Amino acid sequence: MRGHYVHAASVHMDPNADLGAPGAAVTLELCGSWDHVPPCPLAPHHTSPERNGRCVELRIVFAAEPALESEVRRRIGIALASGSLTGPDGVTTRWSLQGSNAAVLRDAEREQAIRIAAT
């Protein structure tokens, strides 16, 4: 049975940079493509970014078999540490990872976690 998890991260990026790029990088790392037919092959997930100037706080809610939790977190770390993503439009967005760690699932995220685990 899949567990429900959240990974929190903080990145610095230009205020006008594509806010969705770090999440797309996570999807690319976890799924092999950001444009794929569901379900996600390793771990269904959703990234919520919140910008405060140059600082962007990310919360990646994901569902995975407990034995795969550390692998999913490792891949999330790789994606965010990469520091850039070139989108399908050819535009490259860059960021600097400030920190990344396991976090506690918030009550507001619990329903979303249950939904994505069901996919």
N, C-alpha and C. Protein backbone atom coordinates (compact mmCIF):
# COMPACT_ATOMS: atom_id res chain seq x y z
N MET A 1 0.83 -1.19 0.00
CA MET A 1 0.00 0.00 0.00
C MET A 1 0.87 1.24 0.00
N ARG A 2 0.53 2.18 -0.84
CA ARG A 2 1.31 3.42 -0.94
C ARG A 2 1.16 4.29 0.30
N GLY A 3 2.28 4.89 0.70
CA GLY A 3 2.25 5.87 1.77
C GLY A 3 2.12 7.26 1.19
N HIS A 4 1.74 8.21 2.01
CA HIS A 4 1.59 9.61 1.60
C HIS A 4 2.73 10.40 2.22
N TYR A 5 3.43 11.18 1.40
CA TYR A 5 4.62 11.88 1.85
C TYR A 5 4.64 13.30 1.30
N VAL A 6 5.50 14.11 1.91
CA VAL A 6 5.75 15.45 1.37
C VAL A 6 7.23 15.75 1.52
N HIS A 7 7.75 16.42 0.52
CA HIS A 7 9.15 16.86 0.50
C HIS A 7 9.12 18.38 0.35
N ALA A 8 9.81 19.09 1.21
CA ALA A 8 9.84 20.56 1.15
C ALA A 8 11.20 21.01 0.65
N ALA A 9 11.18 22.09 -0.12
CA ALA A 9 12.44 22.63 -0.63
C ALA A 9 12.31 24.14 -0.77
N SER A 10 13.44 24.78 -0.78
CA SER A 10 13.51 26.22 -0.99
C SER A 10 14.52 26.49 -2.09
N VAL A 11 14.12 27.29 -3.07
CA VAL A 11 15.02 27.67 -4.15
C VAL A 11 15.00 29.19 -4.31
N HIS A 12 16.08 29.73 -4.81
CA HIS A 12 16.12 31.15 -5.19
C HIS A 12 16.08 31.20 -6.71
N MET A 13 15.24 32.08 -7.23
CA MET A 13 15.16 32.27 -8.67
C MET A 13 14.71 33.69 -8.95
N ASP A 14 14.98 34.16 -10.16
CA ASP A 14 14.57 35.51 -10.53
C ASP A 14 13.07 35.66 -10.35
N PRO A 15 12.63 36.83 -9.90
CA PRO A 15 11.20 37.04 -9.67
C PRO A 15 10.33 36.81 -10.91
N ASN A 16 10.88 36.99 -12.10
CA ASN A 16 10.10 36.79 -13.32
C ASN A 16 10.28 35.40 -13.93
N ALA A 17 11.06 34.55 -13.28
CA ALA A 17 11.32 33.20 -13.81
C ALA A 17 10.05 32.34 -13.71
N ASP A 18 10.00 31.32 -14.54
CA ASP A 18 8.87 30.40 -14.59
C ASP A 18 8.75 29.64 -13.27
N LEU A 19 7.70 29.94 -12.52
CA LEU A 19 7.48 29.35 -11.21
C LEU A 19 7.28 27.83 -11.28
N GLY A 20 6.82 27.33 -12.41
CA GLY A 20 6.57 25.90 -12.56
C GLY A 20 7.78 25.07 -12.94
N ALA A 21 8.90 25.73 -13.28
CA ALA A 21 10.07 25.00 -13.77
C ALA A 21 10.65 24.01 -12.76
N PRO A 22 10.84 24.36 -11.49
CA PRO A 22 11.37 23.35 -10.56
C PRO A 22 10.46 22.13 -10.44
N GLY A 23 9.16 22.34 -10.41
CA GLY A 23 8.22 21.22 -10.36
C GLY A 23 8.27 20.38 -11.62
N ALA A 24 8.44 21.03 -12.76
CA ALA A 24 8.58 20.29 -14.02
C ALA A 24 9.86 19.47 -14.02
N ALA A 25 10.92 20.00 -13.41
CA ALA A 25 12.17 19.24 -13.31
C ALA A 25 11.98 18.00 -12.44
N VAL A 26 11.20 18.14 -11.37
CA VAL A 26 10.89 16.99 -10.51
C VAL A 26 10.12 15.95 -11.32
N THR A 27 9.12 16.40 -12.07
CA THR A 27 8.33 15.47 -12.89
C THR A 27 9.22 14.77 -13.90
N LEU A 28 10.10 15.51 -14.54
CA LEU A 28 11.01 14.93 -15.52
C LEU A 28 11.89 13.85 -14.88
N GLU A 29 12.38 14.11 -13.68
CA GLU A 29 13.24 13.16 -12.98
C GLU A 29 12.46 11.92 -12.51
N LEU A 30 11.25 12.13 -12.02
CA LEU A 30 10.46 11.01 -11.50
C LEU A 30 9.79 10.20 -12.59
N CYS A 31 9.43 10.87 -13.70
CA CYS A 31 8.59 10.21 -14.71
C CYS A 31 9.27 10.02 -16.06
N GLY A 32 10.40 10.69 -16.27
CA GLY A 32 11.07 10.60 -17.55
C GLY A 32 10.58 11.60 -18.57
N SER A 33 9.44 12.22 -18.30
CA SER A 33 8.85 13.23 -19.19
C SER A 33 7.84 14.03 -18.40
N TRP A 34 7.70 15.32 -18.68
CA TRP A 34 6.68 16.09 -17.98
C TRP A 34 5.35 16.01 -18.71
N ASP A 35 5.35 15.35 -19.87
CA ASP A 35 4.14 15.19 -20.66
C ASP A 35 3.93 13.70 -20.89
N HIS A 36 3.31 13.04 -19.91
CA HIS A 36 3.12 11.60 -20.01
C HIS A 36 1.68 11.25 -19.63
N VAL A 37 1.28 10.08 -20.03
CA VAL A 37 -0.04 9.59 -19.67
C VAL A 37 0.01 9.08 -18.23
N PRO A 38 -0.96 9.48 -17.40
CA PRO A 38 -0.98 8.96 -16.02
C PRO A 38 -1.18 7.46 -16.01
N PRO A 39 -0.78 6.80 -15.00
CA PRO A 39 -0.20 7.32 -13.76
C PRO A 39 1.31 7.53 -13.89
N CYS A 40 1.85 8.26 -12.95
CA CYS A 40 3.30 8.43 -12.88
C CYS A 40 3.92 7.06 -12.59
N PRO A 41 4.97 6.70 -13.30
CA PRO A 41 5.52 5.35 -13.16
C PRO A 41 6.14 5.03 -11.79
N LEU A 42 6.75 5.99 -11.16
CA LEU A 42 7.42 5.73 -9.87
C LEU A 42 6.57 6.21 -8.69
N ALA A 43 6.13 7.45 -8.76
CA ALA A 43 5.40 8.03 -7.62
C ALA A 43 4.50 9.16 -8.11
N PRO A 44 3.19 8.98 -8.07
CA PRO A 44 2.31 10.10 -8.38
C PRO A 44 2.65 11.26 -7.44
N HIS A 45 2.65 12.47 -7.97
CA HIS A 45 3.10 13.61 -7.18
C HIS A 45 2.45 14.89 -7.65
N HIS A 46 2.57 15.90 -6.81
CA HIS A 46 2.11 17.25 -7.16
C HIS A 46 3.03 18.24 -6.46
N THR A 47 3.48 19.26 -7.21
CA THR A 47 4.36 20.27 -6.64
C THR A 47 3.60 21.58 -6.52
N SER A 48 3.63 22.16 -5.32
CA SER A 48 3.01 23.46 -5.07
C SER A 48 4.11 24.47 -4.76
N PRO A 49 4.29 25.47 -5.63
CA PRO A 49 5.28 26.52 -5.36
C PRO A 49 4.62 27.75 -4.74
N GLU A 50 5.35 28.42 -3.87
CA GLU A 50 4.88 29.68 -3.31
C GLU A 50 6.05 30.67 -3.34
N ARG A 51 5.86 31.74 -4.09
CA ARG A 51 6.93 32.72 -4.30
C ARG A 51 6.84 33.85 -3.28
N ASN A 52 8.01 34.24 -2.77
CA ASN A 52 8.15 35.41 -1.93
C ASN A 52 9.40 36.13 -2.40
N GLY A 53 9.24 36.99 -3.41
CA GLY A 53 10.39 37.65 -4.03
C GLY A 53 11.23 36.64 -4.79
N ARG A 54 12.52 36.56 -4.44
CA ARG A 54 13.42 35.61 -5.10
C ARG A 54 13.32 34.21 -4.49
N CYS A 55 12.74 34.10 -3.31
CA CYS A 55 12.63 32.81 -2.64
C CYS A 55 11.34 32.10 -3.06
N VAL A 56 11.46 30.84 -3.42
CA VAL A 56 10.30 30.02 -3.77
C VAL A 56 10.32 28.79 -2.88
N GLU A 57 9.25 28.64 -2.13
CA GLU A 57 9.09 27.46 -1.28
C GLU A 57 8.29 26.43 -2.07
N LEU A 58 8.80 25.21 -2.13
CA LEU A 58 8.15 24.13 -2.85
C LEU A 58 7.71 23.05 -1.87
N ARG A 59 6.54 22.51 -2.12
CA ARG A 59 6.07 21.35 -1.37
C ARG A 59 5.66 20.31 -2.40
N ILE A 60 6.35 19.18 -2.38
CA ILE A 60 6.08 18.10 -3.33
C ILE A 60 5.38 16.99 -2.55
N VAL A 61 4.09 16.85 -2.81
CA VAL A 61 3.29 15.79 -2.20
C VAL A 61 3.40 14.59 -3.12
N PHE A 62 3.71 13.41 -2.56
CA PHE A 62 3.80 12.23 -3.41
C PHE A 62 3.30 10.99 -2.68
N ALA A 63 2.97 10.00 -3.47
CA ALA A 63 2.54 8.71 -2.94
C ALA A 63 3.50 7.66 -3.49
N ALA A 64 3.95 6.78 -2.62
CA ALA A 64 4.90 5.74 -3.04
C ALA A 64 4.84 4.57 -2.08
N GLU A 65 5.28 3.43 -2.57
CA GLU A 65 5.45 2.29 -1.69
C GLU A 65 6.51 2.69 -0.65
N PRO A 66 6.33 2.33 0.61
CA PRO A 66 7.30 2.72 1.64
C PRO A 66 8.74 2.37 1.29
N ALA A 67 8.96 1.26 0.61
CA ALA A 67 10.33 0.86 0.24
C ALA A 67 10.94 1.80 -0.80
N LEU A 68 10.12 2.59 -1.49
CA LEU A 68 10.60 3.50 -2.53
C LEU A 68 10.70 4.95 -2.07
N GLU A 69 10.28 5.24 -0.85
CA GLU A 69 10.27 6.63 -0.38
C GLU A 69 11.65 7.28 -0.51
N SER A 70 12.70 6.62 -0.06
CA SER A 70 14.03 7.24 -0.11
C SER A 70 14.49 7.45 -1.55
N GLU A 71 14.15 6.55 -2.45
CA GLU A 71 14.52 6.71 -3.86
C GLU A 71 13.79 7.91 -4.47
N VAL A 72 12.53 8.06 -4.15
CA VAL A 72 11.77 9.22 -4.66
C VAL A 72 12.39 10.50 -4.13
N ARG A 73 12.68 10.55 -2.85
CA ARG A 73 13.30 11.76 -2.28
C ARG A 73 14.67 12.03 -2.90
N ARG A 74 15.44 10.98 -3.16
CA ARG A 74 16.75 11.15 -3.79
C ARG A 74 16.59 11.78 -5.17
N ARG A 75 15.62 11.31 -5.93
CA ARG A 75 15.40 11.84 -7.28
C ARG A 75 14.88 13.28 -7.24
N ILE A 76 14.03 13.58 -6.26
CA ILE A 76 13.58 14.97 -6.10
C ILE A 76 14.79 15.86 -5.85
N GLY A 77 15.68 15.41 -4.99
CA GLY A 77 16.90 16.17 -4.70
C GLY A 77 17.76 16.38 -5.93
N ILE A 78 17.90 15.36 -6.75
CA ILE A 78 18.68 15.48 -7.99
C ILE A 78 18.05 16.53 -8.91
N ALA A 79 16.73 16.45 -9.06
CA ALA A 79 16.04 17.39 -9.95
C ALA A 79 16.22 18.83 -9.49
N LEU A 80 16.05 19.07 -8.21
CA LEU A 80 16.15 20.43 -7.70
C LEU A 80 17.60 20.93 -7.67
N ALA A 81 18.54 20.03 -7.41
CA ALA A 81 19.95 20.42 -7.39
C ALA A 81 20.47 20.73 -8.79
N SER A 82 19.78 20.25 -9.83
CA SER A 82 20.23 20.51 -11.20
C SER A 82 20.26 22.01 -11.49
N GLY A 83 19.35 22.76 -10.88
CA GLY A 83 19.38 24.21 -10.99
C GLY A 83 18.86 24.82 -12.26
N SER A 84 18.36 24.00 -13.19
CA SER A 84 17.81 24.58 -14.40
C SER A 84 16.93 23.58 -15.14
N LEU A 85 16.09 24.13 -16.00
CA LEU A 85 15.25 23.32 -16.86
C LEU A 85 14.98 24.10 -18.13
N THR A 86 15.16 23.44 -19.27
CA THR A 86 14.79 24.03 -20.55
C THR A 86 13.45 23.45 -20.96
N GLY A 87 12.47 24.33 -21.10
CA GLY A 87 11.11 23.90 -21.42
C GLY A 87 10.96 23.60 -22.89
N PRO A 88 9.78 23.11 -23.27
CA PRO A 88 9.52 22.77 -24.67
C PRO A 88 9.58 23.99 -25.59
N ASP A 89 9.47 25.18 -25.03
CA ASP A 89 9.56 26.41 -25.81
C ASP A 89 11.00 26.87 -26.01
N GLY A 90 11.95 26.10 -25.45
CA GLY A 90 13.37 26.43 -25.59
C GLY A 90 13.89 27.42 -24.55
N VAL A 91 13.02 27.91 -23.68
CA VAL A 91 13.43 28.86 -22.65
C VAL A 91 13.98 28.09 -21.45
N THR A 92 15.15 28.51 -20.99
CA THR A 92 15.78 27.88 -19.83
C THR A 92 15.50 28.71 -18.59
N THR A 93 15.02 28.06 -17.56
CA THR A 93 14.79 28.69 -16.26
C THR A 93 15.84 28.16 -15.31
N ARG A 94 16.44 29.07 -14.54
CA ARG A 94 17.48 28.69 -13.60
C ARG A 94 17.07 29.03 -12.17
N TRP A 95 17.56 28.24 -11.24
CA TRP A 95 17.32 28.48 -9.83
C TRP A 95 18.50 27.95 -9.04
N SER A 96 18.55 28.30 -7.77
CA SER A 96 19.60 27.83 -6.87
C SER A 96 18.91 27.17 -5.68
N LEU A 97 19.21 25.89 -5.47
CA LEU A 97 18.62 25.15 -4.36
C LEU A 97 19.22 25.64 -3.04
N GLN A 98 18.35 26.02 -2.12
CA GLN A 98 18.79 26.50 -0.81
C GLN A 98 18.68 25.41 0.26
N GLY A 99 17.73 24.51 0.09
CA GLY A 99 17.55 23.44 1.06
C GLY A 99 16.43 22.51 0.62
N SER A 100 16.50 21.26 1.07
CA SER A 100 15.53 20.26 0.66
C SER A 100 15.47 19.18 1.73
N ASN A 101 14.28 18.83 2.18
CA ASN A 101 14.17 17.82 3.23
C ASN A 101 12.77 17.23 3.31
N ALA A 102 12.67 16.10 3.99
CA ALA A 102 11.37 15.50 4.27
C ALA A 102 10.61 16.46 5.18
N ALA A 103 9.30 16.49 5.00
CA ALA A 103 8.46 17.38 5.81
C ALA A 103 7.21 16.61 6.24
N VAL A 104 6.46 17.23 7.11
CA VAL A 104 5.23 16.63 7.61
C VAL A 104 4.08 17.06 6.71
N LEU A 105 3.27 16.11 6.33
CA LEU A 105 2.10 16.36 5.51
C LEU A 105 1.13 17.24 6.28
N ARG A 106 0.75 18.37 5.69
CA ARG A 106 -0.22 19.27 6.32
C ARG A 106 -1.63 18.72 6.12
N ASP A 107 -2.52 19.10 7.03
CA ASP A 107 -3.91 18.66 6.90
C ASP A 107 -4.48 19.02 5.53
N ALA A 108 -4.17 20.21 5.04
CA ALA A 108 -4.68 20.66 3.74
C ALA A 108 -4.13 19.82 2.58
N GLU A 109 -3.01 19.14 2.79
CA GLU A 109 -2.40 18.32 1.74
C GLU A 109 -2.86 16.87 1.78
N ARG A 110 -3.44 16.47 2.90
CA ARG A 110 -3.81 15.07 3.09
C ARG A 110 -4.79 14.57 2.03
N GLU A 111 -5.83 15.34 1.73
CA GLU A 111 -6.80 14.93 0.73
C GLU A 111 -6.15 14.79 -0.64
N GLN A 112 -5.27 15.71 -0.98
CA GLN A 112 -4.55 15.63 -2.25
C GLN A 112 -3.68 14.38 -2.28
N ALA A 113 -3.03 14.06 -1.19
CA ALA A 113 -2.18 12.86 -1.12
C ALA A 113 -3.00 11.60 -1.35
N ILE A 114 -4.18 11.55 -0.75
CA ILE A 114 -5.05 10.39 -0.93
C ILE A 114 -5.49 10.27 -2.38
N ARG A 115 -5.81 11.40 -3.00
CA ARG A 115 -6.22 11.42 -4.42
C ARG A 115 -5.11 10.93 -5.33
N ILE A 116 -3.91 11.44 -5.13
CA ILE A 116 -2.84 11.02 -6.05
C ILE A 116 -2.42 9.59 -5.81
N ALA A 117 -2.57 9.11 -4.58
CA ALA A 117 -2.23 7.71 -4.29
C ALA A 117 -3.19 6.76 -5.00
N ALA A 118 -4.40 7.23 -5.26
CA ALA A 118 -5.41 6.39 -5.90
C ALA A 118 -5.21 6.26 -7.40
N THR A 119 -4.32 7.07 -7.97
CA THR A 119 -4.11 7.01 -9.43
C THR A 119 -3.27 5.81 -9.81
